PDB file of N, CA and C in Angstrom:
ATOM      1  N   MET A   1    -177.045  -1.571 173.025  1.00  0.00           N
ATOM      2  CA  MET A   1    -177.214  -1.756 174.451  1.00  0.00           C
ATOM      3  C   MET A   1    -177.409  -3.237 174.742  1.00  0.00           C
ATOM      4  N   ARG A   2    -176.702  -3.716 175.739  1.00  0.00           N
ATOM      5  CA  ARG A   2    -176.907  -5.070 176.242  1.00  0.00           C
ATOM      6  C   ARG A   2    -177.468  -4.958 177.651  1.00  0.00           C
ATOM      7  N   ALA A   3    -178.341  -5.886 178.002  1.00  0.00           N
ATOM      8  CA  ALA A   3    -178.894  -5.926 179.352  1.00  0.00           C
ATOM      9  C   ALA A   3    -178.710  -7.326 179.911  1.00  0.00           C
ATOM     10  N   LEU A   4    -178.353  -7.404 181.181  1.00  0.00           N
ATOM     11  CA  LEU A   4    -178.174  -8.685 181.851  1.00  0.00           C
ATOM     12  C   LEU A   4    -179.018  -8.695 183.109  1.00  0.00           C
ATOM     13  N   LEU A   5    -179.861  -9.715 183.270  1.00  0.00           N
ATOM     14  CA  LEU A   5    -180.643  -9.916 184.480  1.00  0.00           C
ATOM     15  C   LEU A   5    -180.094 -11.143 185.178  1.00  0.00           C
ATOM     16  N   LEU A   6    -179.685 -10.982 186.431  1.00  0.00           N
ATOM     17  CA  LEU A   6    -179.167 -12.080 187.235  1.00  0.00           C
ATOM     18  C   LEU A   6    -180.077 -12.241 188.444  1.00  0.00           C
ATOM     19  N   VAL A   7    -180.691 -13.418 188.592  1.00  0.00           N
ATOM     20  CA  VAL A   7    -181.589 -13.690 189.714  1.00  0.00           C
ATOM     21  C   VAL A   7    -180.897 -14.667 190.653  1.00  0.00           C
ATOM     22  N   CYS A   8    -180.694 -14.242 191.896  1.00  0.00           N
ATOM     23  CA  CYS A   8    -180.042 -15.084 192.913  1.00  0.00           C
ATOM     24  C   CYS A   8    -181.084 -15.473 193.952  1.00  0.00           C
ATOM     25  N   THR A   9    -181.324 -16.757 194.112  1.00  0.00           N
ATOM     26  CA  THR A   9    -182.352 -17.228 195.039  1.00  0.00           C
ATOM     27  C   THR A   9    -181.810 -17.377 196.455  1.00  0.00           C
ATOM     28  N   SER A  10    -180.569 -16.980 196.667  1.00  0.00           N
ATOM     29  CA  SER A  10    -179.983 -16.994 198.006  1.00  0.00           C
ATOM     30  C   SER A  10    -179.228 -15.680 198.192  1.00  0.00           C
ATOM     31  N   GLY A  11    -178.410 -15.600 199.239  1.00  0.00           N
ATOM     32  CA  GLY A  11    -177.588 -14.425 199.456  1.00  0.00           C
ATOM     33  C   GLY A  11    -176.375 -14.427 198.545  1.00  0.00           C
ATOM     34  N   VAL A  12    -175.728 -13.266 198.428  1.00  0.00           N
ATOM     35  CA  VAL A  12    -174.525 -13.129 197.613  1.00  0.00           C
ATOM     36  C   VAL A  12    -173.410 -12.578 198.490  1.00  0.00           C
ATOM     37  N   THR A  13    -172.276 -13.300 198.512  1.00  0.00           N
ATOM     38  CA  THR A  13    -171.083 -12.850 199.213  1.00  0.00           C
ATOM     39  C   THR A  13    -169.970 -12.695 198.192  1.00  0.00           C
ATOM     40  N   ALA A  14    -169.406 -11.496 198.114  1.00  0.00           N
ATOM     41  CA  ALA A  14    -168.290 -11.237 197.203  1.00  0.00           C
ATOM     42  C   ALA A  14    -167.017 -11.161 198.033  1.00  0.00           C
ATOM     43  N   SER A  15    -166.175 -12.176 197.901  1.00  0.00           N
ATOM     44  CA  SER A  15    -164.941 -12.224 198.676  1.00  0.00           C
ATOM     45  C   SER A  15    -163.752 -11.722 197.869  1.00  0.00           C
ATOM     46  N   ALA A  16    -163.971 -11.368 196.616  1.00  0.00           N
ATOM     47  CA  ALA A  16    -162.928 -10.817 195.739  1.00  0.00           C
ATOM     48  C   ALA A  16    -163.550  -9.670 194.950  1.00  0.00           C
ATOM     49  N   ASP A  17    -162.740  -8.983 194.176  1.00  0.00           N
ATOM     50  CA  ASP A  17    -163.250  -7.885 193.366  1.00  0.00           C
ATOM     51  C   ASP A  17    -164.261  -8.390 192.345  1.00  0.00           C
ATOM     52  N   LEU A  18    -165.267  -7.578 192.069  1.00  0.00           N
ATOM     53  CA  LEU A  18    -166.266  -7.854 191.035  1.00  0.00           C
ATOM     54  C   LEU A  18    -166.024  -6.895 189.884  1.00  0.00           C
ATOM     55  N   THR A  19    -166.009  -7.406 188.659  1.00  0.00           N
ATOM     56  CA  THR A  19    -165.764  -6.561 187.500  1.00  0.00           C
ATOM     57  C   THR A  19    -166.971  -6.568 186.578  1.00  0.00           C
ATOM     58  N   PHE A  20    -167.447  -5.383 186.240  1.00  0.00           N
ATOM     59  CA  PHE A  20    -168.503  -5.202 185.262  1.00  0.00           C
ATOM     60  C   PHE A  20    -167.839  -4.646 184.012  1.00  0.00           C
ATOM     61  N   ASP A  21    -167.849  -5.426 182.943  1.00  0.00           N
ATOM     62  CA  ASP A  21    -167.178  -5.048 181.701  1.00  0.00           C
ATOM     63  C   ASP A  21    -168.219  -4.881 180.614  1.00  0.00           C
ATOM     64  N   GLY A  22    -168.359  -3.679 180.110  1.00  0.00           N
ATOM     65  CA  GLY A  22    -169.331  -3.456 179.055  1.00  0.00           C
ATOM     66  C   GLY A  22    -169.276  -2.033 178.547  1.00  0.00           C
ATOM     67  N   ALA A  23    -170.100  -1.758 177.564  1.00  0.00           N
ATOM     68  CA  ALA A  23    -170.171  -0.427 176.969  1.00  0.00           C
ATOM     69  C   ALA A  23    -170.917   0.535 177.892  1.00  0.00           C
ATOM     70  N   ALA A  24    -170.828   1.816 177.592  1.00  0.00           N
ATOM     71  CA  ALA A  24    -171.429   2.854 178.426  1.00  0.00           C
ATOM     72  C   ALA A  24    -172.950   2.741 178.540  1.00  0.00           C
ATOM     73  N   ASN A  25    -173.605   2.092 177.590  1.00  0.00           N
ATOM     74  CA  ASN A  25    -175.068   1.973 177.649  1.00  0.00           C
ATOM     75  C   ASN A  25    -175.532   0.576 178.060  1.00  0.00           C
ATOM     76  N   ASP A  26    -174.627  -0.313 178.454  1.00  0.00           N
ATOM     77  CA  ASP A  26    -175.015  -1.640 178.957  1.00  0.00           C
ATOM     78  C   ASP A  26    -175.606  -1.513 180.356  1.00  0.00           C
ATOM     79  N   VAL A  27    -176.544  -2.414 180.687  1.00  0.00           N
ATOM     80  CA  VAL A  27    -177.259  -2.371 181.967  1.00  0.00           C
ATOM     81  C   VAL A  27    -177.197  -3.731 182.637  1.00  0.00           C
ATOM     82  N   TRP A  28    -176.954  -3.736 183.951  1.00  0.00           N
ATOM     83  CA  TRP A  28    -176.940  -4.952 184.759  1.00  0.00           C
ATOM     84  C   TRP A  28    -178.000  -4.814 185.847  1.00  0.00           C
ATOM     85  N   VAL A  29    -178.833  -5.850 186.013  1.00  0.00           N
ATOM     86  CA  VAL A  29    -179.853  -5.879 187.063  1.00  0.00           C
ATOM     87  C   VAL A  29    -179.687  -7.178 187.836  1.00  0.00           C
ATOM     88  N   MET A  30    -179.504  -7.067 189.155  1.00  0.00           N
ATOM     89  CA  MET A  30    -179.370  -8.244 190.011  1.00  0.00           C
ATOM     90  C   MET A  30    -180.494  -8.252 191.035  1.00  0.00           C
ATOM     91  N   GLN A  31    -181.215  -9.357 191.096  1.00  0.00           N
ATOM     92  CA  GLN A  31    -182.251  -9.546 192.106  1.00  0.00           C
ATOM     93  C   GLN A  31    -181.705 -10.568 193.097  1.00  0.00           C
ATOM     94  N   ILE A  32    -181.472 -10.117 194.318  1.00  0.00           N
ATOM     95  CA  ILE A  32    -180.857 -10.962 195.346  1.00  0.00           C
ATOM     96  C   ILE A  32    -181.907 -11.236 196.418  1.00  0.00           C
ATOM     97  N   SER A  33    -182.240 -12.519 196.612  1.00  0.00           N
ATOM     98  CA  SER A  33    -183.339 -12.904 197.492  1.00  0.00           C
ATOM     99  C   SER A  33    -183.020 -12.794 198.975  1.00  0.00           C
ATOM    100  N   GLN A  34    -181.740 -12.733 199.322  1.00  0.00           N
ATOM    101  CA  GLN A  34    -181.367 -12.614 200.732  1.00  0.00           C
ATOM    102  C   GLN A  34    -180.385 -11.456 200.894  1.00  0.00           C
ATOM    103  N   ASP A  35    -179.260 -11.678 201.602  1.00  0.00           N
ATOM    104  CA  ASP A  35    -178.312 -10.609 201.904  1.00  0.00           C
ATOM    105  C   ASP A  35    -177.259 -10.430 200.819  1.00  0.00           C
ATOM    106  N   LEU A  36    -176.707  -9.217 200.755  1.00  0.00           N
ATOM    107  CA  LEU A  36    -175.555  -8.908 199.911  1.00  0.00           C
ATOM    108  C   LEU A  36    -174.413  -8.506 200.835  1.00  0.00           C
ATOM    109  N   LEU A  37    -173.278  -9.197 200.715  1.00  0.00           N
ATOM    110  CA  LEU A  37    -172.115  -8.930 201.558  1.00  0.00           C
ATOM    111  C   LEU A  37    -170.900  -8.709 200.680  1.00  0.00           C
ATOM    112  N   LEU A  38    -170.243  -7.560 200.838  1.00  0.00           N
ATOM    113  CA  LEU A  38    -168.980  -7.285 200.166  1.00  0.00           C
ATOM    114  C   LEU A  38    -167.886  -7.378 201.223  1.00  0.00           C
ATOM    115  N   GLU A  39    -167.033  -8.401 201.076  1.00  0.00           N
ATOM    116  CA  GLU A  39    -166.003  -8.709 202.080  1.00  0.00           C
ATOM    117  C   GLU A  39    -164.971  -7.586 202.216  1.00  0.00           C
ATOM    118  N   THR A  40    -164.188  -7.634 203.276  1.00  0.00           N
ATOM    119  CA  THR A  40    -163.152  -6.658 203.558  1.00  0.00           C
ATOM    120  C   THR A  40    -162.228  -6.472 202.357  1.00  0.00           C
ATOM    121  N   GLY A  41    -162.060  -5.233 201.934  1.00  0.00           N
ATOM    122  CA  GLY A  41    -161.170  -4.906 200.829  1.00  0.00           C
ATOM    123  C   GLY A  41    -161.731  -5.181 199.449  1.00  0.00           C
ATOM    124  N   GLY A  42    -162.910  -5.773 199.352  1.00  0.00           N
ATOM    125  CA  GLY A  42    -163.514  -6.065 198.048  1.00  0.00           C
ATOM    126  C   GLY A  42    -163.906  -4.782 197.335  1.00  0.00           C
ATOM    127  N   GLU A  43    -163.822  -4.809 196.024  1.00  0.00           N
ATOM    128  CA  GLU A  43    -164.113  -3.608 195.255  1.00  0.00           C
ATOM    129  C   GLU A  43    -164.849  -3.967 193.972  1.00  0.00           C
ATOM    130  N   VAL A  44    -165.760  -3.097 193.563  1.00  0.00           N
ATOM    131  CA  VAL A  44    -166.433  -3.236 192.282  1.00  0.00           C
ATOM    132  C   VAL A  44    -165.631  -2.437 191.263  1.00  0.00           C
ATOM    133  N   GLN A  45    -165.208  -3.103 190.187  1.00  0.00           N
ATOM    134  CA  GLN A  45    -164.434  -2.481 189.119  1.00  0.00           C
ATOM    135  C   GLN A  45    -165.324  -2.303 187.894  1.00  0.00           C
ATOM    136  N   LEU A  46    -165.170  -1.188 187.203  1.00  0.00           N
ATOM    137  CA  LEU A  46    -165.896  -0.937 185.959  1.00  0.00           C
ATOM    138  C   LEU A  46    -164.888  -0.818 184.829  1.00  0.00           C
ATOM    139  N   THR A  47    -165.082  -1.603 183.761  1.00  0.00           N
ATOM    140  CA  THR A  47    -164.162  -1.567 182.630  1.00  0.00           C
ATOM    141  C   THR A  47    -164.937  -1.476 181.320  1.00  0.00           C
ATOM    142  N   GLY A  48    -164.246  -1.097 180.264  1.00  0.00           N
ATOM    143  CA  GLY A  48    -164.849  -1.053 178.935  1.00  0.00           C
ATOM    144  C   GLY A  48    -165.886   0.025 178.753  1.00  0.00           C
ATOM    145  N   GLY A  49    -165.960   0.984 179.666  1.00  0.00           N
ATOM    146  CA  GLY A  49    -166.952   2.049 179.558  1.00  0.00           C
ATOM    147  C   GLY A  49    -168.184   1.849 180.427  1.00  0.00           C
ATOM    148  N   ALA A  50    -168.261   0.741 181.178  1.00  0.00           N
ATOM    149  CA  ALA A  50    -169.407   0.493 182.072  1.00  0.00           C
ATOM    150  C   ALA A  50    -169.583   1.661 183.039  1.00  0.00           C
ATOM    151  N   LYS A  51    -170.840   2.004 183.338  1.00  0.00           N
ATOM    152  CA  LYS A  51    -171.137   3.154 184.200  1.00  0.00           C
ATOM    153  C   LYS A  51    -171.837   2.725 185.482  1.00  0.00           C
ATOM    154  N   THR A  52    -171.487   3.416 186.564  1.00  0.00           N
ATOM    155  CA  THR A  52    -172.089   3.163 187.877  1.00  0.00           C
ATOM    156  C   THR A  52    -173.607   3.225 187.823  1.00  0.00           C
ATOM    157  N   GLU A  53    -174.149   4.206 187.117  1.00  0.00           N
ATOM    158  CA  GLU A  53    -175.599   4.401 187.099  1.00  0.00           C
ATOM    159  C   GLU A  53    -176.351   3.343 186.311  1.00  0.00           C
ATOM    160  N   ASN A  54    -175.641   2.391 185.698  1.00  0.00           N
ATOM    161  CA  ASN A  54    -176.287   1.321 184.946  1.00  0.00           C
ATOM    162  C   ASN A  54    -176.228  -0.029 185.652  1.00  0.00           C
ATOM    163  N   ILE A  55    -175.855  -0.017 186.937  1.00  0.00           N
ATOM    164  CA  ILE A  55    -175.782  -1.257 187.718  1.00  0.00           C
ATOM    165  C   ILE A  55    -176.819  -1.165 188.832  1.00  0.00           C
ATOM    166  N   PHE A  56    -177.795  -2.084 188.812  1.00  0.00           N
ATOM    167  CA  PHE A  56    -178.906  -2.067 189.767  1.00  0.00           C
ATOM    168  C   PHE A  56    -178.915  -3.367 190.563  1.00  0.00           C
ATOM    169  N   ARG A  57    -179.103  -3.247 191.878  1.00  0.00           N
ATOM    170  CA  ARG A  57    -179.254  -4.419 192.736  1.00  0.00           C
ATOM    171  C   ARG A  57    -180.525  -4.255 193.563  1.00  0.00           C
ATOM    172  N   GLN A  58    -181.386  -5.251 193.487  1.00  0.00           N
ATOM    173  CA  GLN A  58    -182.567  -5.305 194.347  1.00  0.00           C
ATOM    174  C   GLN A  58    -182.268  -6.357 195.395  1.00  0.00           C
ATOM    175  N   VAL A  59    -182.124  -5.931 196.654  1.00  0.00           N
ATOM    176  CA  VAL A  59    -181.704  -6.826 197.730  1.00  0.00           C
ATOM    177  C   VAL A  59    -182.851  -6.984 198.725  1.00  0.00           C
ATOM    178  N   SER A  60    -183.288  -8.234 198.937  1.00  0.00           N
ATOM    179  CA  SER A  60    -184.388  -8.489 199.863  1.00  0.00           C
ATOM    180  C   SER A  60    -183.936  -8.519 201.313  1.00  0.00           C
ATOM    181  N   GLY A  61    -182.657  -8.793 201.540  1.00  0.00           N
ATOM    182  CA  GLY A  61    -182.127  -8.826 202.896  1.00  0.00           C
ATOM    183  C   GLY A  61    -181.320  -7.581 203.189  1.00  0.00           C
ATOM    184  N   GLN A  62    -180.247  -7.761 203.952  1.00  0.00           N
ATOM    185  CA  GLN A  62    -179.370  -6.672 204.363  1.00  0.00           C
ATOM    186  C   GLN A  62    -178.205  -6.534 203.389  1.00  0.00           C
ATOM    187  N   THR A  63    -177.765  -5.304 203.139  1.00  0.00           N
ATOM    188  CA  THR A  63    -176.546  -5.049 202.381  1.00  0.00           C
ATOM    189  C   THR A  63    -175.465  -4.619 203.362  1.00  0.00           C
ATOM    190  N   THR A  64    -174.310  -5.316 203.326  1.00  0.00           N
ATOM    191  CA  THR A  64    -173.212  -5.011 204.240  1.00  0.00           C
ATOM    192  C   THR A  64    -171.922  -4.806 203.458  1.00  0.00           C
ATOM    193  N   LEU A  65    -171.270  -3.679 203.715  1.00  0.00           N
ATOM    194  CA  LEU A  65    -169.950  -3.385 203.166  1.00  0.00           C
ATOM    195  C   LEU A  65    -168.955  -3.465 204.313  1.00  0.00           C
ATOM    196  N   LEU A  66    -168.083  -4.474 204.279  1.00  0.00           N
ATOM    197  CA  LEU A  66    -167.106  -4.619 205.352  1.00  0.00           C
ATOM    198  C   LEU A  66    -165.966  -3.613 205.171  1.00  0.00           C
ATOM    199  N   THR A  67    -165.070  -3.560 206.137  1.00  0.00           N
ATOM    200  CA  THR A  67    -163.994  -2.582 206.196  1.00  0.00           C
ATOM    201  C   THR A  67    -163.224  -2.482 204.878  1.00  0.00           C
ATOM    202  N   HIS A  68    -163.047  -1.255 204.408  1.00  0.00           N
ATOM    203  CA  HIS A  68    -162.261  -0.921 203.209  1.00  0.00           C
ATOM    204  C   HIS A  68    -162.790  -1.563 201.927  1.00  0.00           C
ATOM    205  N   SER A  69    -164.076  -1.885 201.878  1.00  0.00           N
ATOM    206  CA  SER A  69    -164.675  -2.361 200.630  1.00  0.00           C
ATOM    207  C   SER A  69    -165.307  -1.172 199.905  1.00  0.00           C
ATOM    208  N   THR A  70    -165.482  -1.323 198.589  1.00  0.00           N
ATOM    209  CA  THR A  70    -166.030  -0.238 197.764  1.00  0.00           C
ATOM    210  C   THR A  70    -167.104  -0.803 196.842  1.00  0.00           C
ATOM    211  N   LEU A  71    -168.287  -0.213 196.888  1.00  0.00           N
ATOM    212  CA  LEU A  71    -169.411  -0.660 196.068  1.00  0.00           C
ATOM    213  C   LEU A  71    -169.815   0.443 195.110  1.00  0.00           C
ATOM    214  N   LYS A  72    -170.164   0.073 193.889  1.00  0.00           N
ATOM    215  CA  LYS A  72    -170.631   1.018 192.875  1.00  0.00           C
ATOM    216  C   LYS A  72    -171.957   0.512 192.320  1.00  0.00           C
ATOM    217  N   GLY A  73    -172.865   1.425 192.009  1.00  0.00           N
ATOM    218  CA  GLY A  73    -174.148   1.057 191.443  1.00  0.00           C
ATOM    219  C   GLY A  73    -175.303   1.589 192.268  1.00  0.00           C
ATOM    220  N   ILE A  74    -176.479   1.088 191.991  1.00  0.00           N
ATOM    221  CA  ILE A  74    -177.701   1.495 192.686  1.00  0.00           C
ATOM    222  C   ILE A  74    -178.226   0.296 193.454  1.00  0.00           C
ATOM    223  N   VAL A  75    -178.551   0.504 194.739  1.00  0.00           N
ATOM    224  CA  VAL A  75    -179.053  -0.577 195.588  1.00  0.00           C
ATOM    225  C   VAL A  75    -180.451  -0.221 196.060  1.00  0.00           C
ATOM    226  N   LEU A  76    -181.415  -1.062 195.700  1.00  0.00           N
ATOM    227  CA  LEU A  76    -182.784  -0.971 196.211  1.00  0.00           C
ATOM    228  C   LEU A  76    -182.871  -2.014 197.313  1.00  0.00           C
ATOM    229  N   ASN A  77    -182.928  -1.567 198.545  1.00  0.00           N
ATOM    230  CA  ASN A  77    -182.756  -2.468 199.683  1.00  0.00           C
ATOM    231  C   ASN A  77    -184.015  -2.560 200.524  1.00  0.00           C
ATOM    232  N   LYS A  78    -184.438  -3.782 200.832  1.00  0.00           N
ATOM    233  CA  LYS A  78    -185.619  -3.985 201.665  1.00  0.00           C
ATOM    234  C   LYS A  78    -185.281  -3.898 203.148  1.00  0.00           C
ATOM    235  N   ALA A  79    -184.071  -4.302 203.511  1.00  0.00           N
ATOM    236  CA  ALA A  79    -183.676  -4.312 204.918  1.00  0.00           C
ATOM    237  C   ALA A  79    -182.561  -3.289 205.148  1.00  0.00           C
ATOM    238  N   GLN A  80    -181.805  -3.492 206.181  1.00  0.00           N
ATOM    239  CA  GLN A  80    -180.764  -2.569 206.625  1.00  0.00           C
ATOM    240  C   GLN A  80    -179.568  -2.519 205.670  1.00  0.00           C
ATOM    241  N   ILE A  81    -178.946  -1.346 205.575  1.00  0.00           N
ATOM    242  CA  ILE A  81    -177.701  -1.151 204.843  1.00  0.00           C
ATOM    243  C   ILE A  81    -176.638  -0.785 205.870  1.00  0.00           C
ATOM    244  N   VAL A  82    -175.541  -1.564 205.915  1.00  0.00           N
ATOM    245  CA  VAL A  82    -174.489  -1.355 206.904  1.00  0.00           C
ATOM    246  C   VAL A  82    -173.168  -1.104 206.192  1.00  0.00           C
ATOM    247  N   MET A  83    -172.481  -0.027 206.581  1.00  0.00           N
ATOM    248  CA  MET A  83    -171.143   0.271 206.070  1.00  0.00           C
ATOM    249  C   MET A  83    -170.194   0.328 207.262  1.00  0.00           C
ATOM    250  N   GLU A  84    -169.220  -0.581 207.281  1.00  0.00           N
ATOM    251  CA  GLU A  84    -168.251  -0.584 208.373  1.00  0.00           C
ATOM    252  C   GLU A  84    -167.167   0.463 208.121  1.00  0.00           C
ATOM    253  N   THR A  85    -166.335   0.709 209.128  1.00  0.00           N
ATOM    254  CA  THR A  85    -165.290   1.715 209.062  1.00  0.00           C
ATOM    255  C   THR A  85    -164.424   1.553 207.820  1.00  0.00           C
ATOM    256  N   GLY A  86    -164.239   2.627 207.089  1.00  0.00           N
ATOM    257  CA  GLY A  86    -163.383   2.613 205.910  1.00  0.00           C
ATOM    258  C   GLY A  86    -164.068   2.147 204.634  1.00  0.00           C
ATOM    259  N   ALA A  87    -165.289   1.650 204.729  1.00  0.00           N
ATOM    260  CA  ALA A  87    -166.022   1.246 203.524  1.00  0.00           C
ATOM    261  C   ALA A  87    -166.452   2.497 202.772  1.00  0.00           C
ATOM    262  N   SER A  88    -166.538   2.386 201.450  1.00  0.00           N
ATOM    263  CA  SER A  88    -166.967   3.537 200.654  1.00  0.00           C
ATOM    264  C   SER A  88    -167.870   3.062 199.529  1.00  0.00           C
ATOM    265  N   SER A  89    -168.581   4.020 198.971  1.00  0.00           N
ATOM    266  CA  SER A  89    -169.466   3.657 197.873  1.00  0.00           C
ATOM    267  C   SER A  89    -169.730   4.857 196.983  1.00  0.00           C
ATOM    268  N   THR A  90    -169.976   4.576 195.740  1.00  0.00           N
ATOM    269  CA  THR A  90    -170.523   5.553 194.806  1.00  0.00           C
ATOM    270  C   THR A  90    -171.846   4.946 194.363  1.00  0.00           C
ATOM    271  N   VAL A  91    -172.769   4.954 195.314  1.00  0.00           N
ATOM    272  CA  VAL A  91    -174.025   4.227 195.169  1.00  0.00           C
ATOM    273  C   VAL A  91    -175.181   5.124 195.566  1.00  0.00           C
ATOM    274  N   ALA A  92    -176.292   4.961 194.892  1.00  0.00           N
ATOM    275  CA  ALA A  92    -177.548   5.530 195.355  1.00  0.00           C
ATOM    276  C   ALA A  92    -178.259   4.426 196.116  1.00  0.00           C
ATOM    277  N   TYR A  93    -178.407   4.602 197.422  1.00  0.00           N
ATOM    278  CA  TYR A  93    -179.116   3.626 198.247  1.00  0.00           C
ATOM    279  C   TYR A  93    -180.553   4.070 198.404  1.00  0.00           C
ATOM    280  N   LEU A  94    -181.457   3.148 198.197  1.00  0.00           N
ATOM    281  CA  LEU A  94    -182.871   3.427 198.359  1.00  0.00           C
ATOM    282  C   LEU A  94    -183.446   2.429 199.363  1.00  0.00           C
ATOM    283  N   PRO A  95    -183.177   2.652 200.674  1.00  0.00           N
ATOM    284  CA  PRO A  95    -183.670   1.725 201.689  1.00  0.00           C
ATOM    285  C   PRO A  95    -185.090   2.088 202.100  1.00  0.00           C
ATOM    286  N   ARG A  96    -185.700   1.170 202.819  1.00  0.00           N
ATOM    287  CA  ARG A  96    -186.943   1.526 203.487  1.00  0.00           C
ATOM    288  C   ARG A  96    -186.581   2.569 204.536  1.00  0.00           C
ATOM    289  N   PRO A  97    -187.514   3.424 204.933  1.00  0.00           N
ATOM    290  CA  PRO A  97    -187.198   4.428 205.959  1.00  0.00           C
ATOM    291  C   PRO A  97    -186.641   3.769 207.234  1.00  0.00           C
ATOM    292  N   TRP A  98    -185.642   4.409 207.810  1.00  0.00           N
ATOM    293  CA  TRP A  98    -185.021   4.007 209.076  1.00  0.00           C
ATOM    294  C   TRP A  98    -184.335   2.653 209.008  1.00  0.00           C
ATOM    295  N   SER A  99    -183.805   2.241 207.864  1.00  0.00           N
ATOM    296  CA  SER A  99    -183.222   0.908 207.775  1.00  0.00           C
ATOM    297  C   SER A  99    -181.741   0.927 207.408  1.00  0.00           C
ATOM    298  N   HIS A 100    -181.029   2.029 207.653  1.00  0.00           N
ATOM    299  CA  HIS A 100    -179.614   2.072 207.318  1.00  0.00           C
ATOM    300  C   HIS A 100    -178.795   2.553 208.520  1.00  0.00           C
ATOM    301  N   SER A 101    -177.533   2.143 208.573  1.00  0.00           N
ATOM    302  CA  SER A 101    -176.650   2.563 209.653  1.00  0.00           C
ATOM    303  C   SER A 101    -175.218   2.578 209.176  1.00  0.00           C
ATOM    304  N   MET A 102    -174.380   3.306 209.896  1.00  0.00           N
ATOM    305  CA  MET A 102    -172.956   3.344 209.599  1.00  0.00           C
ATOM    306  C   MET A 102    -172.235   3.028 210.903  1.00  0.00           C
ATOM    307  N   ARG A 103    -171.226   2.128 210.840  1.00  0.00           N
ATOM    308  CA  ARG A 103    -170.477   1.752 212.038  1.00  0.00           C
ATOM    309  C   ARG A 103    -169.089   2.324 211.985  1.00  0.00           C
TER     310      ARG A 103
END
């Protein structure tokens, strides 16, 4: 098993596809100090046996999935979670109560 901890002291904007490449028991943990934004059409790709349930994001700001973007993994969110029209996810979202919306 390999584990990767990524600490971001600002927001994260993904304007292209993100690829997680690893074995089935590898784990990724991202601590994001501000917002997480997945741009229009952006997609999270899993290769080499990587699993959705082994990708964790702790987001202190808002998580936004723009139109036709796809997110995979687990999101622990302090603020609002927004999914625009056509966005999809295979994610377990754990927001604070009353902090998520769909447009």
